Structures are given as structure tokens and as C-alpha cells.
Amino acid sequence: MRVLITGGAGSIGSRLAANLVGSGAEVFSFDVAASPIVPSREFGQVVTRLGSVQDSDAVDLAFATAKPD
């Protein structure tokens, strides 16, 4: 399963990302800041794309990259 989480660096989003990774999902995070809580991209667990949901081009790119189910 491929999942895109907006707000993935926040308290709820980061915990959701960690739980989804634990269940075997391929997780993509989209937020204005990187999270110190979410397992990092270096470990191949969460792909993080930085950007604002107010930027439609950034949102389109996040969806094009993640291709969530």
C-alpha cells in the first residue's frame, strides 16, 4: 500500500507514518518541515517532500511522486 500523508511532520502525522511503516506500507510525507519523529528517508522508510499545501504545484508534485493507492 502506498500512502501520502499531508502534515506528516506533525504530532499526529508522524505517529501515523510510523504506524503505517510498521504495517508494511510505503509512506510519503508532505509538510512544510521535516520531522525528527518520523523514520528518516535514509532508512528507506518514509519519503519526505517539503512544501506547503497552499502551493498547488507542490501538492501536484507530491501526488505525482507518491502515487498513493
N, C-alpha and C. Protein backbone atom coordinates (compact mmCIF):
# COMPACT_ATOMS: atom_id res chain seq x y z
N MET A 1 0.84 -1.16 0.00
CA MET A 1 0.00 0.00 0.00
C MET A 1 0.90 1.24 0.00
N ARG A 2 0.55 2.21 -0.83
CA ARG A 2 1.27 3.49 -0.89
C ARG A 2 0.38 4.56 -0.30
N VAL A 3 0.95 5.35 0.62
CA VAL A 3 0.18 6.35 1.34
C VAL A 3 0.90 7.69 1.30
N LEU A 4 0.14 8.77 1.09
CA LEU A 4 0.66 10.13 1.18
C LEU A 4 0.00 10.79 2.38
N ILE A 5 0.83 11.28 3.30
CA ILE A 5 0.32 11.95 4.49
C ILE A 5 0.66 13.43 4.39
N THR A 6 -0.36 14.29 4.36
CA THR A 6 -0.09 15.72 4.46
C THR A 6 0.01 16.04 5.95
N GLY A 7 0.94 16.89 6.29
CA GLY A 7 1.17 17.18 7.71
C GLY A 7 1.92 16.05 8.38
N GLY A 8 2.74 15.34 7.62
CA GLY A 8 3.44 14.18 8.14
C GLY A 8 4.49 14.49 9.19
N ALA A 9 4.87 15.76 9.36
CA ALA A 9 5.87 16.11 10.36
C ALA A 9 5.24 16.46 11.70
N GLY A 10 3.94 16.60 11.73
CA GLY A 10 3.28 16.95 12.97
C GLY A 10 3.13 15.77 13.92
N SER A 11 2.58 16.04 15.06
CA SER A 11 2.42 15.03 16.10
C SER A 11 1.59 13.84 15.62
N ILE A 12 0.43 14.11 15.08
CA ILE A 12 -0.45 13.03 14.62
C ILE A 12 0.09 12.39 13.35
N GLY A 13 0.50 13.21 12.38
CA GLY A 13 1.01 12.69 11.12
C GLY A 13 2.25 11.82 11.27
N SER A 14 3.15 12.22 12.15
CA SER A 14 4.38 11.45 12.34
C SER A 14 4.10 10.11 13.00
N ARG A 15 3.17 10.08 13.91
CA ARG A 15 2.82 8.81 14.55
C ARG A 15 2.05 7.90 13.59
N LEU A 16 1.21 8.52 12.76
CA LEU A 16 0.52 7.75 11.73
C LEU A 16 1.53 7.15 10.76
N ALA A 17 2.51 7.95 10.34
CA ALA A 17 3.54 7.45 9.43
C ALA A 17 4.30 6.28 10.04
N ALA A 18 4.69 6.41 11.30
CA ALA A 18 5.43 5.34 11.96
C ALA A 18 4.59 4.06 12.04
N ASN A 19 3.31 4.20 12.35
CA ASN A 19 2.43 3.02 12.41
C ASN A 19 2.24 2.38 11.04
N LEU A 20 2.10 3.20 10.01
CA LEU A 20 1.93 2.65 8.66
C LEU A 20 3.20 1.94 8.19
N VAL A 21 4.36 2.53 8.49
CA VAL A 21 5.62 1.87 8.15
C VAL A 21 5.69 0.52 8.85
N GLY A 22 5.29 0.50 10.11
CA GLY A 22 5.29 -0.74 10.88
C GLY A 22 4.38 -1.81 10.30
N SER A 23 3.34 -1.38 9.59
CA SER A 23 2.42 -2.35 8.99
C SER A 23 2.83 -2.72 7.57
N GLY A 24 3.97 -2.17 7.12
CA GLY A 24 4.48 -2.55 5.81
C GLY A 24 4.13 -1.60 4.67
N ALA A 25 3.50 -0.48 4.97
CA ALA A 25 3.11 0.47 3.93
C ALA A 25 4.32 1.26 3.44
N GLU A 26 4.24 1.72 2.19
CA GLU A 26 5.22 2.63 1.63
C GLU A 26 4.68 4.03 1.89
N VAL A 27 5.36 4.80 2.72
CA VAL A 27 4.82 6.06 3.22
C VAL A 27 5.56 7.26 2.65
N PHE A 28 4.79 8.23 2.19
CA PHE A 28 5.29 9.50 1.70
C PHE A 28 4.71 10.59 2.60
N SER A 29 5.56 11.50 3.04
CA SER A 29 5.14 12.60 3.91
C SER A 29 5.28 13.91 3.17
N PHE A 30 4.29 14.78 3.31
CA PHE A 30 4.33 16.10 2.69
C PHE A 30 4.06 17.13 3.78
N ASP A 31 5.01 18.02 4.01
CA ASP A 31 4.85 19.01 5.07
C ASP A 31 5.80 20.17 4.82
N VAL A 32 5.60 21.25 5.56
CA VAL A 32 6.47 22.42 5.43
C VAL A 32 7.79 22.24 6.16
N ALA A 33 7.88 21.21 7.00
CA ALA A 33 9.11 20.94 7.75
C ALA A 33 9.35 19.45 7.83
N ALA A 34 10.61 19.08 7.94
CA ALA A 34 10.95 17.67 8.14
C ALA A 34 10.69 17.32 9.59
N SER A 35 10.31 16.08 9.85
CA SER A 35 10.00 15.65 11.21
C SER A 35 11.17 14.92 11.84
N PRO A 36 11.48 15.26 13.09
CA PRO A 36 12.51 14.49 13.79
C PRO A 36 11.95 13.17 14.32
N ILE A 37 10.64 13.01 14.26
CA ILE A 37 9.98 11.82 14.83
C ILE A 37 9.82 10.71 13.80
N VAL A 38 9.46 11.07 12.58
CA VAL A 38 9.20 10.07 11.53
C VAL A 38 10.51 9.38 11.16
N PRO A 39 10.48 8.05 10.97
CA PRO A 39 11.69 7.36 10.50
C PRO A 39 12.21 8.06 9.24
N SER A 40 13.49 8.28 9.18
CA SER A 40 14.04 9.12 8.12
C SER A 40 14.15 8.42 6.77
N ARG A 41 14.28 9.24 5.76
CA ARG A 41 14.41 8.75 4.39
C ARG A 41 15.67 7.91 4.23
N GLU A 42 16.70 8.22 5.01
CA GLU A 42 17.94 7.47 4.88
C GLU A 42 17.74 5.98 5.14
N PHE A 43 16.77 5.67 5.93
CA PHE A 43 16.50 4.27 6.25
C PHE A 43 15.49 3.66 5.27
N GLY A 44 15.06 4.46 4.28
CA GLY A 44 14.16 3.95 3.26
C GLY A 44 12.75 3.69 3.75
N GLN A 45 12.34 4.35 4.84
CA GLN A 45 11.03 4.07 5.40
C GLN A 45 9.99 5.13 5.04
N VAL A 46 10.38 6.39 5.07
CA VAL A 46 9.45 7.46 4.75
C VAL A 46 10.13 8.41 3.77
N VAL A 47 9.48 8.66 2.66
CA VAL A 47 9.98 9.63 1.70
C VAL A 47 9.31 10.95 2.04
N THR A 48 10.11 11.96 2.31
CA THR A 48 9.58 13.26 2.71
C THR A 48 9.75 14.27 1.59
N ARG A 49 8.66 14.95 1.27
CA ARG A 49 8.70 16.05 0.31
C ARG A 49 8.28 17.29 1.06
N LEU A 50 9.13 18.31 1.02
CA LEU A 50 8.83 19.55 1.71
C LEU A 50 8.05 20.48 0.80
N GLY A 51 7.03 21.11 1.38
CA GLY A 51 6.21 22.05 0.64
C GLY A 51 4.97 22.41 1.41
N SER A 52 4.26 23.39 0.91
CA SER A 52 3.04 23.87 1.56
C SER A 52 1.81 23.39 0.79
N VAL A 53 0.76 23.08 1.53
CA VAL A 53 -0.50 22.69 0.88
C VAL A 53 -1.14 23.88 0.18
N GLN A 54 -0.63 25.09 0.44
CA GLN A 54 -1.12 26.28 -0.24
C GLN A 54 -0.50 26.45 -1.63
N ASP A 55 0.51 25.65 -1.93
CA ASP A 55 1.20 25.69 -3.22
C ASP A 55 0.69 24.53 -4.07
N SER A 56 -0.21 24.81 -4.99
CA SER A 56 -0.84 23.75 -5.77
C SER A 56 0.16 22.95 -6.60
N ASP A 57 1.21 23.60 -7.09
CA ASP A 57 2.22 22.88 -7.86
C ASP A 57 2.96 21.87 -6.97
N ALA A 58 3.27 22.27 -5.74
CA ALA A 58 3.95 21.38 -4.80
C ALA A 58 3.06 20.19 -4.43
N VAL A 59 1.77 20.45 -4.27
CA VAL A 59 0.83 19.37 -3.96
C VAL A 59 0.72 18.42 -5.14
N ASP A 60 0.60 18.96 -6.34
CA ASP A 60 0.54 18.11 -7.53
C ASP A 60 1.78 17.24 -7.65
N LEU A 61 2.95 17.81 -7.38
CA LEU A 61 4.20 17.06 -7.46
C LEU A 61 4.26 15.98 -6.39
N ALA A 62 3.76 16.29 -5.20
CA ALA A 62 3.74 15.28 -4.12
C ALA A 62 2.88 14.09 -4.51
N PHE A 63 1.69 14.35 -5.07
CA PHE A 63 0.82 13.26 -5.51
C PHE A 63 1.42 12.49 -6.68
N ALA A 64 2.05 13.21 -7.60
CA ALA A 64 2.68 12.54 -8.75
C ALA A 64 3.83 11.65 -8.31
N THR A 65 4.56 12.08 -7.31
CA THR A 65 5.68 11.30 -6.79
C THR A 65 5.20 10.09 -6.00
N ALA A 66 4.24 10.32 -5.10
CA ALA A 66 3.78 9.26 -4.20
C ALA A 66 2.88 8.23 -4.90
N LYS A 67 2.04 8.70 -5.80
CA LYS A 67 1.06 7.83 -6.46
C LYS A 67 0.36 6.94 -5.44
N PRO A 68 -0.33 7.59 -4.44
CA PRO A 68 -0.96 6.80 -3.39
C PRO A 68 -2.10 5.93 -3.91
N ASP A 69 -2.35 4.84 -3.18
CA ASP A 69 -3.45 3.92 -3.52
C ASP A 69 -4.80 4.57 -3.22
